[in-house]
Amino acid sequence: MKHSTIISAAALFAIVAGIGIAQNPSAATTTVTAATGTIAQLNYDPGGNVQGFLVGTNILLSFPASTCGGLSALGVVGNSVTYSGTESTATSGFESVLITSFTNNTTNCQRKLLYLRSHFRYCQTA
């Protein structure tokens, strides 16, 4: 199986799982602070742009579409990361985290996303 096919299949799975969480009112929602993990896979939008990261086997880190600097500069597979945000957990155990703060521990790149008027519009780079 081609590498791009595997990535596409994984991205589709992550999107479907994320939709399932969003549509499941019984999904538990909690605040995550300074959680750590390793990027296992990149999640792409239909246009081929990085829109999130899969950490481990069941945690999807989601970023707003307007994240400054773009997501492809934030990390690659194998990078160690620390993140904070709002986590939704489906009954299947799949977790989706809407990121508010992200640090790539491998490259020391940091982003803090501030929520303004129902959209993430501002980001600080440290």
PDB file of N, CA and C in Angstrom:
ATOM      1  N   MET A   1       0.844  -1.177   0.000  1.00  0.00           N
ATOM      2  CA  MET A   1       0.000   0.000   0.000  1.00  0.00           C
ATOM      3  C   MET A   1       0.888   1.237   0.000  1.00  0.00           C
ATOM      4  N   LYS A   2       0.568   2.213  -0.822  1.00  0.00           N
ATOM      5  CA  LYS A   2       1.354   3.433  -0.918  1.00  0.00           C
ATOM      6  C   LYS A   2       1.253   4.240   0.366  1.00  0.00           C
ATOM      7  N   HIS A   3       2.335   4.980   0.650  1.00  0.00           N
ATOM      8  CA  HIS A   3       2.393   5.818   1.842  1.00  0.00           C
ATOM      9  C   HIS A   3       1.253   6.846   1.837  1.00  0.00           C
ATOM     10  N   SER A   4       0.988   7.464   0.670  1.00  0.00           N
ATOM     11  CA  SER A   4      -0.073   8.481   0.607  1.00  0.00           C
ATOM     12  C   SER A   4      -1.450   7.872   0.839  1.00  0.00           C
ATOM     13  N   THR A   5      -1.636   6.618   0.424  1.00  0.00           N
ATOM     14  CA  THR A   5      -2.910   5.946   0.659  1.00  0.00           C
ATOM     15  C   THR A   5      -3.117   5.696   2.145  1.00  0.00           C
ATOM     16  N   ILE A   6      -2.061   5.309   2.825  1.00  0.00           N
ATOM     17  CA  ILE A   6      -2.146   5.071   4.271  1.00  0.00           C
ATOM     18  C   ILE A   6      -2.481   6.364   4.992  1.00  0.00           C
ATOM     19  N   ILE A   7      -1.796   7.444   4.620  1.00  0.00           N
ATOM     20  CA  ILE A   7      -2.057   8.737   5.262  1.00  0.00           C
ATOM     21  C   ILE A   7      -3.477   9.194   4.973  1.00  0.00           C
ATOM     22  N   SER A   8      -3.933   9.031   3.734  1.00  0.00           N
ATOM     23  CA  SER A   8      -5.297   9.427   3.380  1.00  0.00           C
ATOM     24  C   SER A   8      -6.329   8.630   4.165  1.00  0.00           C
ATOM     25  N   ALA A   9      -6.102   7.329   4.289  1.00  0.00           N
ATOM     26  CA  ALA A   9      -7.033   6.490   5.046  1.00  0.00           C
ATOM     27  C   ALA A   9      -7.053   6.894   6.513  1.00  0.00           C
ATOM     28  N   ALA A  10      -5.890   7.177   7.070  1.00  0.00           N
ATOM     29  CA  ALA A  10      -5.826   7.575   8.474  1.00  0.00           C
ATOM     30  C   ALA A  10      -6.492   8.930   8.687  1.00  0.00           C
ATOM     31  N   ALA A  11      -6.281   9.847   7.745  1.00  0.00           N
ATOM     32  CA  ALA A  11      -6.910  11.166   7.854  1.00  0.00           C
ATOM     33  C   ALA A  11      -8.423  11.044   7.787  1.00  0.00           C
ATOM     34  N   LEU A  12      -8.916  10.198   6.888  1.00  0.00           N
ATOM     35  CA  LEU A  12     -10.354   9.981   6.775  1.00  0.00           C
ATOM     36  C   LEU A  12     -10.901   9.405   8.076  1.00  0.00           C
ATOM     37  N   PHE A  13     -10.188   8.435   8.655  1.00  0.00           N
ATOM     38  CA  PHE A  13     -10.609   7.852   9.929  1.00  0.00           C
ATOM     39  C   PHE A  13     -10.683   8.929  11.003  1.00  0.00           C
ATOM     40  N   ALA A  14      -9.658   9.784  11.058  1.00  0.00           N
ATOM     41  CA  ALA A  14      -9.622  10.829  12.079  1.00  0.00           C
ATOM     42  C   ALA A  14     -10.769  11.816  11.894  1.00  0.00           C
ATOM     43  N   ILE A  15     -11.063  12.168  10.648  1.00  0.00           N
ATOM     44  CA  ILE A  15     -12.169  13.095  10.381  1.00  0.00           C
ATOM     45  C   ILE A  15     -13.497  12.474  10.785  1.00  0.00           C
ATOM     46  N   VAL A  16     -13.711  11.217  10.399  1.00  0.00           N
ATOM     47  CA  VAL A  16     -14.959  10.525  10.737  1.00  0.00           C
ATOM     48  C   VAL A  16     -15.092  10.390  12.247  1.00  0.00           C
ATOM     49  N   ALA A  17     -13.996  10.042  12.915  1.00  0.00           N
ATOM     50  CA  ALA A  17     -14.041   9.907  14.372  1.00  0.00           C
ATOM     51  C   ALA A  17     -14.345  11.259  15.015  1.00  0.00           C
ATOM     52  N   GLY A  18     -13.747  12.330  14.475  1.00  0.00           N
ATOM     53  CA  GLY A  18     -14.010  13.669  14.994  1.00  0.00           C
ATOM     54  C   GLY A  18     -15.451  14.079  14.800  1.00  0.00           C
ATOM     55  N   ILE A  19     -16.024  13.753  13.646  1.00  0.00           N
ATOM     56  CA  ILE A  19     -17.442  14.042  13.393  1.00  0.00           C
ATOM     57  C   ILE A  19     -18.304  13.250  14.360  1.00  0.00           C
ATOM     58  N   GLY A  20     -17.935  12.014  14.599  1.00  0.00           N
ATOM     59  CA  GLY A  20     -18.688  11.180  15.535  1.00  0.00           C
ATOM     60  C   GLY A  20     -18.686  11.756  16.931  1.00  0.00           C
ATOM     61  N   ILE A  21     -17.548  12.306  17.346  1.00  0.00           N
ATOM     62  CA  ILE A  21     -17.468  12.932  18.657  1.00  0.00           C
ATOM     63  C   ILE A  21     -18.335  14.176  18.686  1.00  0.00           C
ATOM     64  N   ALA A  22     -18.252  14.992  17.617  1.00  0.00           N
ATOM     65  CA  ALA A  22     -19.029  16.228  17.581  1.00  0.00           C
ATOM     66  C   ALA A  22     -20.526  15.952  17.593  1.00  0.00           C
ATOM     67  N   GLN A  23     -20.948  14.841  17.003  1.00  0.00           N
ATOM     68  CA  GLN A  23     -22.372  14.528  16.937  1.00  0.00           C
ATOM     69  C   GLN A  23     -22.846  13.703  18.129  1.00  0.00           C
ATOM     70  N   ASN A  24     -21.944  13.279  18.974  1.00  0.00           N
ATOM     71  CA  ASN A  24     -22.301  12.438  20.103  1.00  0.00           C
ATOM     72  C   ASN A  24     -22.432  13.294  21.358  1.00  0.00           C
ATOM     73  N   PRO A  25     -23.650  13.629  21.766  1.00  0.00           N
ATOM     74  CA  PRO A  25     -23.812  14.479  22.934  1.00  0.00           C
ATOM     75  C   PRO A  25     -23.357  13.815  24.227  1.00  0.00           C
ATOM     76  N   SER A  26     -23.161  12.501  24.211  1.00  0.00           N
ATOM     77  CA  SER A  26     -22.729  11.819  25.424  1.00  0.00           C
ATOM     78  C   SER A  26     -21.211  11.776  25.543  1.00  0.00           C
ATOM     79  N   ALA A  27     -20.490  12.335  24.577  1.00  0.00           N
ATOM     80  CA  ALA A  27     -19.036  12.368  24.653  1.00  0.00           C
ATOM     81  C   ALA A  27     -18.627  13.252  25.832  1.00  0.00           C
ATOM     82  N   ALA A  28     -17.713  12.752  26.656  1.00  0.00           N
ATOM     83  CA  ALA A  28     -17.239  13.502  27.808  1.00  0.00           C
ATOM     84  C   ALA A  28     -16.295  14.601  27.342  1.00  0.00           C
ATOM     85  N   THR A  29     -16.444  15.806  27.892  1.00  0.00           N
ATOM     86  CA  THR A  29     -15.583  16.930  27.551  1.00  0.00           C
ATOM     87  C   THR A  29     -14.849  17.381  28.797  1.00  0.00           C
ATOM     88  N   THR A  30     -13.533  17.517  28.687  1.00  0.00           N
ATOM     89  CA  THR A  30     -12.709  17.958  29.812  1.00  0.00           C
ATOM     90  C   THR A  30     -11.641  18.931  29.312  1.00  0.00           C
ATOM     91  N   THR A  31     -11.042  19.643  30.242  1.00  0.00           N
ATOM     92  CA  THR A  31      -9.931  20.524  29.915  1.00  0.00           C
ATOM     93  C   THR A  31      -8.632  19.767  30.118  1.00  0.00           C
ATOM     94  N   VAL A  32      -7.768  19.819  29.122  1.00  0.00           N
ATOM     95  CA  VAL A  32      -6.470  19.166  29.176  1.00  0.00           C
ATOM     96  C   VAL A  32      -5.416  20.250  29.349  1.00  0.00           C
ATOM     97  N   THR A  33      -4.511  20.063  30.299  1.00  0.00           N
ATOM     98  CA  THR A  33      -3.454  21.037  30.545  1.00  0.00           C
ATOM     99  C   THR A  33      -2.100  20.347  30.549  1.00  0.00           C
ATOM    100  N   ALA A  34      -1.205  20.810  29.710  1.00  0.00           N
ATOM    101  CA  ALA A  34       0.178  20.337  29.635  1.00  0.00           C
ATOM    102  C   ALA A  34       0.286  18.818  29.452  1.00  0.00           C
ATOM    103  N   ALA A  35      -0.548  18.268  28.586  1.00  0.00           N
ATOM    104  CA  ALA A  35      -0.441  16.841  28.246  1.00  0.00           C
ATOM    105  C   ALA A  35       0.708  16.680  27.247  1.00  0.00           C
ATOM    106  N   THR A  36       1.329  15.519  27.249  1.00  0.00           N
ATOM    107  CA  THR A  36       2.459  15.291  26.349  1.00  0.00           C
ATOM    108  C   THR A  36       2.236  14.046  25.510  1.00  0.00           C
ATOM    109  N   GLY A  37       2.913  14.000  24.382  1.00  0.00           N
ATOM    110  CA  GLY A  37       2.835  12.835  23.509  1.00  0.00           C
ATOM    111  C   GLY A  37       3.772  13.016  22.330  1.00  0.00           C
ATOM    112  N   THR A  38       3.717  12.066  21.413  1.00  0.00           N
ATOM    113  CA  THR A  38       4.555  12.095  20.222  1.00  0.00           C
ATOM    114  C   THR A  38       3.666  12.069  18.989  1.00  0.00           C
ATOM    115  N   ILE A  39       3.954  12.932  18.032  1.00  0.00           N
ATOM    116  CA  ILE A  39       3.177  12.976  16.794  1.00  0.00           C
ATOM    117  C   ILE A  39       3.405  11.671  16.039  1.00  0.00           C
ATOM    118  N   ALA A  40       2.312  10.943  15.816  1.00  0.00           N
ATOM    119  CA  ALA A  40       2.385   9.675  15.100  1.00  0.00           C
ATOM    120  C   ALA A  40       2.025   9.841  13.632  1.00  0.00           C
ATOM    121  N   GLN A  41       1.241  10.893  13.338  1.00  0.00           N
ATOM    122  CA  GLN A  41       0.724  11.059  11.982  1.00  0.00           C
ATOM    123  C   GLN A  41       0.211  12.479  11.795  1.00  0.00           C
ATOM    124  N   LEU A  42       0.263  12.971  10.567  1.00  0.00           N
ATOM    125  CA  LEU A  42      -0.307  14.266  10.240  1.00  0.00           C
ATOM    126  C   LEU A  42      -1.719  14.058   9.714  1.00  0.00           C
ATOM    127  N   ASN A  43      -2.629  14.969  10.031  1.00  0.00           N
ATOM    128  CA  ASN A  43      -4.005  14.911   9.547  1.00  0.00           C
ATOM    129  C   ASN A  43      -4.182  16.042   8.535  1.00  0.00           C
ATOM    130  N   TYR A  44      -4.653  15.696   7.327  1.00  0.00           N
ATOM    131  CA  TYR A  44      -4.767  16.657   6.238  1.00  0.00           C
ATOM    132  C   TYR A  44      -6.223  17.020   5.957  1.00  0.00           C
ATOM    133  N   ASP A  45      -6.430  18.280   5.531  1.00  0.00           N
ATOM    134  CA  ASP A  45      -7.757  18.687   5.077  1.00  0.00           C
ATOM    135  C   ASP A  45      -7.909  18.284   3.605  1.00  0.00           C
ATOM    136  N   PRO A  46      -9.099  18.439   3.026  1.00  0.00           N
ATOM    137  CA  PRO A  46      -9.308  18.033   1.630  1.00  0.00           C
ATOM    138  C   PRO A  46      -8.378  18.741   0.635  1.00  0.00           C
ATOM    139  N   GLY A  47      -7.856  19.914   0.998  1.00  0.00           N
ATOM    140  CA  GLY A  47      -6.949  20.647   0.120  1.00  0.00           C
ATOM    141  C   GLY A  47      -5.499  20.219   0.243  1.00  0.00           C
ATOM    142  N   GLY A  48      -5.227  19.251   1.117  1.00  0.00           N
ATOM    143  CA  GLY A  48      -3.862  18.767   1.289  1.00  0.00           C
ATOM    144  C   GLY A  48      -3.042  19.530   2.305  1.00  0.00           C
ATOM    145  N   ASN A  49      -3.676  20.418   3.055  1.00  0.00           N
ATOM    146  CA  ASN A  49      -2.973  21.179   4.089  1.00  0.00           C
ATOM    147  C   ASN A  49      -3.066  20.451   5.423  1.00  0.00           C
ATOM    148  N   VAL A  50      -2.015  20.536   6.213  1.00  0.00           N
ATOM    149  CA  VAL A  50      -2.040  19.915   7.539  1.00  0.00           C
ATOM    150  C   VAL A  50      -3.072  20.642   8.383  1.00  0.00           C
ATOM    151  N   GLN A  51      -3.985  19.871   9.008  1.00  0.00           N
ATOM    152  CA  GLN A  51      -5.004  20.489   9.851  1.00  0.00           C
ATOM    153  C   GLN A  51      -4.958  19.969  11.277  1.00  0.00           C
ATOM    154  N   GLY A  52      -4.100  18.984  11.542  1.00  0.00           N
ATOM    155  CA  GLY A  52      -3.980  18.464  12.892  1.00  0.00           C
ATOM    156  C   GLY A  52      -2.964  17.358  12.960  1.00  0.00           C
ATOM    157  N   PHE A  53      -2.788  16.836  14.171  1.00  0.00           N
ATOM    158  CA  PHE A  53      -1.823  15.763  14.412  1.00  0.00           C
ATOM    159  C   PHE A  53      -2.485  14.633  15.175  1.00  0.00           C
ATOM    160  N   LEU A  54      -2.118  13.411  14.843  1.00  0.00           N
ATOM    161  CA  LEU A  54      -2.526  12.261  15.627  1.00  0.00           C
ATOM    162  C   LEU A  54      -1.399  11.978  16.606  1.00  0.00           C
ATOM    163  N   VAL A  55      -1.720  11.972  17.892  1.00  0.00           N
ATOM    164  CA  VAL A  55      -0.743  11.683  18.936  1.00  0.00           C
ATOM    165  C   VAL A  55      -1.043  10.290  19.449  1.00  0.00           C
ATOM    166  N   GLY A  56      -0.045   9.439  19.446  1.00  0.00           N
ATOM    167  CA  GLY A  56      -0.285   8.048  19.819  1.00  0.00           C
ATOM    168  C   GLY A  56      -1.203   7.408  18.801  1.00  0.00           C
ATOM    169  N   THR A  57      -2.134   6.595  19.275  1.00  0.00           N
ATOM    170  CA  THR A  57      -3.045   5.907  18.357  1.00  0.00           C
ATOM    171  C   THR A  57      -4.476   6.412  18.436  1.00  0.00           C
ATOM    172  N   ASN A  58      -4.794   7.269  19.421  1.00  0.00           N
ATOM    173  CA  ASN A  58      -6.197   7.647  19.571  1.00  0.00           C
ATOM    174  C   ASN A  58      -6.454   9.085  20.007  1.00  0.00           C
ATOM    175  N   ILE A  59      -5.477   9.975  19.835  1.00  0.00           N
ATOM    176  CA  ILE A  59      -5.688  11.371  20.228  1.00  0.00           C
ATOM    177  C   ILE A  59      -5.452  12.265  19.013  1.00  0.00           C
ATOM    178  N   LEU A  60      -6.509  12.936  18.567  1.00  0.00           N
ATOM    179  CA  LEU A  60      -6.412  13.849  17.435  1.00  0.00           C
ATOM    180  C   LEU A  60      -6.329  15.278  17.957  1.00  0.00           C
ATOM    181  N   LEU A  61      -5.219  15.958  17.649  1.00  0.00           N
ATOM    182  CA  LEU A  61      -5.068  17.358  18.019  1.00  0.00           C
ATOM    183  C   LEU A  61      -5.585  18.194  16.863  1.00  0.00           C
ATOM    184  N   SER A  62      -6.619  18.992  17.109  1.00  0.00           N
ATOM    185  CA  SER A  62      -7.237  19.821  16.072  1.00  0.00           C
ATOM    186  C   SER A  62      -6.923  21.282  16.322  1.00  0.00           C
ATOM    187  N   PHE A  63      -6.637  21.974  15.252  1.00  0.00           N
ATOM    188  CA  PHE A  63      -6.312  23.394  15.307  1.00  0.00           C
ATOM    189  C   PHE A  63      -7.322  24.148  14.458  1.00  0.00           C
ATOM    190  N   PRO A  64      -7.555  25.423  14.757  1.00  0.00           N
ATOM    191  CA  PRO A  64      -8.444  26.213  13.908  1.00  0.00           C
ATOM    192  C   PRO A  64      -7.812  26.403  12.535  1.00  0.00           C
ATOM    193  N   ALA A  65      -8.643  26.575  11.526  1.00  0.00           N
ATOM    194  CA  ALA A  65      -8.156  26.720  10.153  1.00  0.00           C
ATOM    195  C   ALA A  65      -7.264  27.945   9.985  1.00  0.00           C
ATOM    196  N   SER A  66      -7.470  28.951  10.810  1.00  0.00           N
ATOM    197  CA  SER A  66      -6.721  30.192  10.650  1.00  0.00           C
ATOM    198  C   SER A  66      -5.504  30.288  11.571  1.00  0.00           C
ATOM    199  N   THR A  67      -4.935  29.163  11.960  1.00  0.00           N
ATOM    200  CA  THR A  67      -3.766  29.187  12.834  1.00  0.00           C
ATOM    201  C   THR A  67      -2.624  29.919  12.143  1.00  0.00           C
ATOM    202  N   CYS A  68      -2.076  30.914  12.812  1.00  0.00           N
ATOM    203  CA  CYS A  68      -1.018  31.707  12.183  1.00  0.00           C
ATOM    204  C   CYS A  68       0.229  30.868  11.950  1.00  0.00           C
ATOM    205  N   GLY A  69       0.875  31.112  10.849  1.00  0.00           N
ATOM    206  CA  GLY A  69       2.096  30.403  10.517  1.00  0.00           C
ATOM    207  C   GLY A  69       1.872  29.045   9.877  1.00  0.00           C
ATOM    208  N   GLY A  70       0.622  28.579   9.874  1.00  0.00           N
ATOM    209  CA  GLY A  70       0.330  27.268   9.298  1.00  0.00           C
ATOM    210  C   GLY A  70       0.779  26.130  10.200  1.00  0.00           C
ATOM    211  N   LEU A  71       0.122  25.007  10.082  1.00  0.00           N
ATOM    212  CA  LEU A  71       0.424  23.869  10.954  1.00  0.00           C
ATOM    213  C   LEU A  71       1.621  23.054  10.502  1.00  0.00           C
ATOM    214  N   SER A  72       1.908  23.065   9.213  1.00  0.00           N
ATOM    215  CA  SER A  72       3.006  22.234   8.728  1.00  0.00           C
ATOM    216  C   SER A  72       4.333  22.651   9.355  1.00  0.00           C
ATOM    217  N   ALA A  73       4.425  23.902   9.815  1.00  0.00           N
ATOM    218  CA  ALA A  73       5.646  24.372  10.465  1.00  0.00           C
ATOM    219  C   ALA A  73       5.700  23.988  11.940  1.00  0.00           C
ATOM    220  N   LEU A  74       4.597  23.486  12.490  1.00  0.00           N
ATOM    221  CA  LEU A  74       4.559  23.192  13.924  1.00  0.00           C
ATOM    222  C   LEU A  74       5.136  21.843  14.308  1.00  0.00           C
ATOM    223  N   GLY A  75       5.114  20.880  13.397  1.00  0.00           N
ATOM    224  CA  GLY A  75       5.632  19.579  13.789  1.00  0.00           C
ATOM    225  C   GLY A  75       5.609  18.563  12.674  1.00  0.00           C
ATOM    226  N   VAL A  76       6.380  17.516  12.890  1.00  0.00           N
ATOM    227  CA  VAL A  76       6.436  16.388  11.964  1.00  0.00           C
ATOM    228  C   VAL A  76       6.337  15.102  12.776  1.00  0.00           C
ATOM    229  N   VAL A  77       6.093  14.017  12.090  1.00  0.00           N
ATOM    230  CA  VAL A  77       5.996  12.714  12.750  1.00  0.00           C
ATOM    231  C   VAL A  77       7.273  12.451  13.542  1.00  0.00           C
ATOM    232  N   GLY A  78       7.083  12.039  14.781  1.00  0.00           N
ATOM    233  CA  GLY A  78       8.203  11.732  15.660  1.00  0.00           C
ATOM    234  C   GLY A  78       8.529  12.822  16.654  1.00  0.00           C
ATOM    235  N   ASN A  79       8.004  14.047  16.443  1.00  0.00           N
ATOM    236  CA  ASN A  79       8.266  15.142  17.374  1.00  0.00           C
ATOM    237  C   ASN A  79       7.504  14.946  18.676  1.00  0.00           C
ATOM    238  N   SER A  80       8.141  15.272  19.772  1.00  0.00           N
ATOM    239  CA  SER A  80       7.509  15.257  21.093  1.00  0.00           C
ATOM    240  C   SER A  80       6.804  16.588  21.288  1.00  0.00           C
ATOM    241  N   VAL A  81       5.543  16.557  21.788  1.00  0.00           N
ATOM    242  CA  VAL A  81       4.766  17.778  21.943  1.00  0.00           C
ATOM    243  C   VAL A  81       4.102  17.851  23.319  1.00  0.00           C
ATOM    244  N   THR A  82       3.821  19.072  23.735  1.00  0.00           N
ATOM    245  CA  THR A  82       3.028  19.349  24.937  1.00  0.00           C
ATOM    246  C   THR A  82       1.875  20.221  24.480  1.00  0.00           C
ATOM    247  N   TYR A  83       0.656  19.907  24.936  1.00  0.00           N
ATOM    248  CA  TYR A  83      -0.514  20.635  24.462  1.00  0.00           C
ATOM    249  C   TYR A  83      -1.542  20.813  25.570  1.00  0.00           C
ATOM    250  N   SER A  84      -2.376  21.843  25.383  1.00  0.00           N
ATOM    251  CA  SER A  84      -3.510  22.105  26.266  1.00  0.00           C
ATOM    252  C   SER A  84      -4.704  22.408  25.383  1.00  0.00           C
ATOM    253  N   GLY A  85      -5.904  22.164  25.900  1.00  0.00           N
ATOM    254  CA  GLY A  85      -7.099  22.455  25.142  1.00  0.00           C
ATOM    255  C   GLY A  85      -8.319  21.786  25.730  1.00  0.00           C
ATOM    256  N   THR A  86      -9.366  21.706  24.930  1.00  0.00           N
ATOM    257  CA  THR A  86     -10.611  21.075  25.334  1.00  0.00           C
ATOM    258  C   THR A  86     -10.700  19.715  24.660  1.00  0.00           C
ATOM    259  N   GLU A  87     -10.831  18.685  25.467  1.00  0.00           N
ATOM    260  CA  GLU A  87     -10.830  17.310  24.966  1.00  0.00           C
ATOM    261  C   GLU A  87     -12.227  16.711  25.021  1.00  0.00           C
ATOM    262  N   SER A  88     -12.594  16.050  23.936  1.00  0.00           N
ATOM    263  CA  SER A  88     -13.838  15.277  23.885  1.00  0.00           C
ATOM    264  C   SER A  88     -13.448  13.823  23.691  1.00  0.00           C
ATOM    265  N   THR A  89     -14.041  12.957  24.487  1.00  0.00           N
ATOM    266  CA  THR A  89     -13.735  11.535  24.395  1.00  0.00           C
ATOM    267  C   THR A  89     -14.996  10.786  23.996  1.00  0.00           C
ATOM    268  N   ALA A  90     -14.903  10.055  22.893  1.00  0.00           N
ATOM    269  CA  ALA A  90     -16.027   9.240  22.429  1.00  0.00           C
ATOM    270  C   ALA A  90     -16.096   7.962  23.258  1.00  0.00           C
ATOM    271  N   THR A  91     -17.243   7.303  23.219  1.00  0.00           N
ATOM    272  CA  THR A  91     -17.396   6.050  23.952  1.00  0.00           C
ATOM    273  C   THR A  91     -16.420   4.987  23.459  1.00  0.00           C
ATOM    274  N   SER A  92     -15.918   5.132  22.232  1.00  0.00           N
ATOM    275  CA  SER A  92     -14.930   4.197  21.682  1.00  0.00           C
ATOM    276  C   SER A  92     -13.551   4.405  22.301  1.00  0.00           C
ATOM    277  N   GLY A  93     -13.363   5.538  22.995  1.00  0.00           N
ATOM    278  CA  GLY A  93     -12.068   5.856  23.582  1.00  0.00           C
ATOM    279  C   GLY A  93     -11.250   6.820  22.732  1.00  0.00           C
ATOM    280  N   PHE A  94     -11.710   7.113  21.495  1.00  0.00           N
ATOM    281  CA  PHE A  94     -10.998   8.057  20.643  1.00  0.00           C
ATOM    282  C   PHE A  94     -11.154   9.455  21.220  1.00  0.00           C
ATOM    283  N   GLU A  95     -10.055  10.208  21.290  1.00  0.00           N
ATOM    284  CA  GLU A  95     -10.064  11.541  21.874  1.00  0.00           C
ATOM    285  C   GLU A  95      -9.762  12.593  20.813  1.00  0.00           C
ATOM    286  N   SER A  96     -10.448  13.706  20.905  1.00  0.00           N
ATOM    287  CA  SER A  96     -10.209  14.844  20.025  1.00  0.00           C
ATOM    288  C   SER A  96      -9.971  16.058  20.913  1.00  0.00           C
ATOM    289  N   VAL A  97      -8.861  16.751  20.680  1.00  0.00           N
ATOM    290  CA  VAL A  97      -8.512  17.908  21.504  1.00  0.00           C
ATOM    291  C   VAL A  97      -8.468  19.146  20.624  1.00  0.00           C
ATOM    292  N   LEU A  98      -9.287  20.145  20.955  1.00  0.00           N
ATOM    293  CA  LEU A  98      -9.239  21.441  20.297  1.00  0.00           C
ATOM    294  C   LEU A  98      -8.163  22.247  21.025  1.00  0.00           C
ATOM    295  N   ILE A  99      -7.081  22.513  20.343  1.00  0.00           N
ATOM    296  CA  ILE A  99      -5.872  23.070  20.952  1.00  0.00           C
ATOM    297  C   ILE A  99      -6.006  24.552  21.276  1.00  0.00           C
ATOM    298  N   THR A 100      -5.534  24.933  22.483  1.00  0.00           N
ATOM    299  CA  THR A 100      -5.424  26.338  22.867  1.00  0.00           C
ATOM    300  C   THR A 100      -3.964  26.726  23.074  1.00  0.00           C
ATOM    301  N   SER A 101      -3.109  25.731  23.368  1.00  0.00           N
ATOM    302  CA  SER A 101      -1.685  25.980  23.558  1.00  0.00           C
ATOM    303  C   SER A 101      -0.921  24.747  23.074  1.00  0.00           C
ATOM    304  N   PHE A 102       0.173  24.972  22.343  1.00  0.00           N
ATOM    305  CA  PHE A 102       0.908  23.866  21.735  1.00  0.00           C
ATOM    306  C   PHE A 102       2.400  24.180  21.757  1.00  0.00           C
ATOM    307  N   THR A 103       3.209  23.231  22.205  1.00  0.00           N
ATOM    308  CA  THR A 103       4.663  23.362  22.180  1.00  0.00           C
ATOM    309  C   THR A 103       5.265  22.118  21.553  1.00  0.00           C
ATOM    310  N   ASN A 104       6.113  22.312  20.564  1.00  0.00           N
ATOM    311  CA  ASN A 104       6.872  21.211  19.996  1.00  0.00           C
ATOM    312  C   ASN A 104       8.143  21.129  20.822  1.00  0.00           C
ATOM    313  N   ASN A 105       8.264  20.100  21.652  1.00  0.00           N
ATOM    314  CA  ASN A 105       9.416  19.962  22.543  1.00  0.00           C
ATOM    315  C   ASN A 105      10.694  19.636  21.784  1.00  0.00           C
ATOM    316  N   THR A 106      10.568  19.092  20.584  1.00  0.00           N
ATOM    317  CA  THR A 106      11.739  18.747  19.782  1.00  0.00           C
ATOM    318  C   THR A 106      12.367  20.001  19.173  1.00  0.00           C
ATOM    319  N   THR A 107      11.526  20.926  18.686  1.00  0.00           N
ATOM    320  CA  THR A 107      12.038  22.131  18.024  1.00  0.00           C
ATOM    321  C   THR A 107      11.908  23.384  18.889  1.00  0.00           C
ATOM    322  N   ASN A 108      11.214  23.270  20.016  1.00  0.00           N
ATOM    323  CA  ASN A 108      10.933  24.375  20.930  1.00  0.00           C
ATOM    324  C   ASN A 108      10.048  25.452  20.302  1.00  0.00           C
ATOM    325  N   CYS A 109       9.234  25.076  19.330  1.00  0.00           N
ATOM    326  CA  CYS A 109       8.272  25.986  18.711  1.00  0.00           C
ATOM    327  C   CYS A 109       7.011  25.998  19.567  1.00  0.00           C
ATOM    328  N   GLN A 110       6.488  27.196  19.865  1.00  0.00           N
ATOM    329  CA  GLN A 110       5.305  27.319  20.713  1.00  0.00           C
ATOM    330  C   GLN A 110       4.240  28.159  20.033  1.00  0.00           C
ATOM    331  N   ARG A 111       2.982  27.791  20.275  1.00  0.00           N
ATOM    332  CA  ARG A 111       1.847  28.588  19.806  1.00  0.00           C
ATOM    333  C   ARG A 111       0.814  28.630  20.923  1.00  0.00           C
ATOM    334  N   LYS A 112       0.292  29.827  21.178  1.00  0.00           N
ATOM    335  CA  LYS A 112      -0.825  29.985  22.101  1.00  0.00           C
ATOM    336  C   LYS A 112      -1.956  30.590  21.298  1.00  0.00           C
ATOM    337  N   LEU A 113      -3.071  29.905  21.248  1.00  0.00           N
ATOM    338  CA  LEU A 113      -4.201  30.354  20.440  1.00  0.00           C
ATOM    339  C   LEU A 113      -5.256  30.950  21.354  1.00  0.00           C
ATOM    340  N   LEU A 114      -5.657  32.150  21.062  1.00  0.00           N
ATOM    341  CA  LEU A 114      -6.637  32.840  21.881  1.00  0.00           C
ATOM    342  C   LEU A 114      -7.975  32.864  21.167  1.00  0.00           C
ATOM    343  N   TYR A 115      -9.021  32.536  21.884  1.00  0.00           N
ATOM    344  CA  TYR A 115     -10.370  32.443  21.333  1.00  0.00           C
ATOM    345  C   TYR A 115     -11.051  33.793  21.415  1.00  0.00           C
ATOM    346  N   LEU A 116     -11.389  34.353  20.258  1.00  0.00           N
ATOM    347  CA  LEU A 116     -12.066  35.643  20.220  1.00  0.00           C
ATOM    348  C   LEU A 116     -13.286  35.569  19.317  1.00  0.00           C
ATOM    349  N   ARG A 117     -14.463  35.871  19.852  1.00  0.00           N
ATOM    350  CA  ARG A 117     -15.700  35.932  19.071  1.00  0.00           C
ATOM    351  C   ARG A 117     -15.939  34.703  18.200  1.00  0.00           C
ATOM    352  N   SER A 118     -15.918  33.571  18.772  1.00  0.00           N
ATOM    353  CA  SER A 118     -16.229  32.293  18.142  1.00  0.00           C
ATOM    354  C   SER A 118     -15.234  31.850  17.072  1.00  0.00           C
ATOM    355  N   HIS A 119     -14.088  32.515  16.985  1.00  0.00           N
ATOM    356  CA  HIS A 119     -13.041  32.088  16.059  1.00  0.00           C
ATOM    357  C   HIS A 119     -11.688  32.294  16.719  1.00  0.00           C
ATOM    358  N   PHE A 120     -10.752  31.422  16.422  1.00  0.00           N
ATOM    359  CA  PHE A 120      -9.379  31.655  16.863  1.00  0.00           C
ATOM    360  C   PHE A 120      -8.778  32.653  15.878  1.00  0.00           C
ATOM    361  N   ARG A 121      -8.504  33.859  16.356  1.00  0.00           N
ATOM    362  CA  ARG A 121      -8.042  34.901  15.455  1.00  0.00           C
ATOM    363  C   ARG A 121      -6.642  35.395  15.763  1.00  0.00           C
ATOM    364  N   TYR A 122      -6.109  35.060  16.886  1.00  0.00           N
ATOM    365  CA  TYR A 122      -4.843  35.638  17.295  1.00  0.00           C
ATOM    366  C   TYR A 122      -3.962  34.549  17.841  1.00  0.00           C
ATOM    367  N   CYS A 123      -2.712  34.618  17.540  1.00  0.00           N
ATOM    368  CA  CYS A 123      -1.814  33.632  18.109  1.00  0.00           C
ATOM    369  C   CYS A 123      -0.506  34.271  18.477  1.00  0.00           C
ATOM    370  N   GLN A 124       0.056  33.816  19.569  1.00  0.00           N
ATOM    371  CA  GLN A 124       1.347  34.306  20.030  1.00  0.00           C
ATOM    372  C   GLN A 124       2.385  33.230  19.760  1.00  0.00           C
ATOM    373  N   THR A 125       3.527  33.642  19.290  1.00  0.00           N
ATOM    374  CA  THR A 125       4.632  32.721  19.090  1.00  0.00           C
ATOM    375  C   THR A 125       5.684  33.033  20.125  1.00  0.00           C
ATOM    376  N   ALA A 126       6.101  32.005  20.829  1.00  0.00           N
ATOM    377  CA  ALA A 126       7.142  32.225  21.848  1.00  0.00           C
ATOM    378  C   ALA A 126       8.437  31.592  21.413  1.00  0.00           C
TER     379      ALA A 126
END
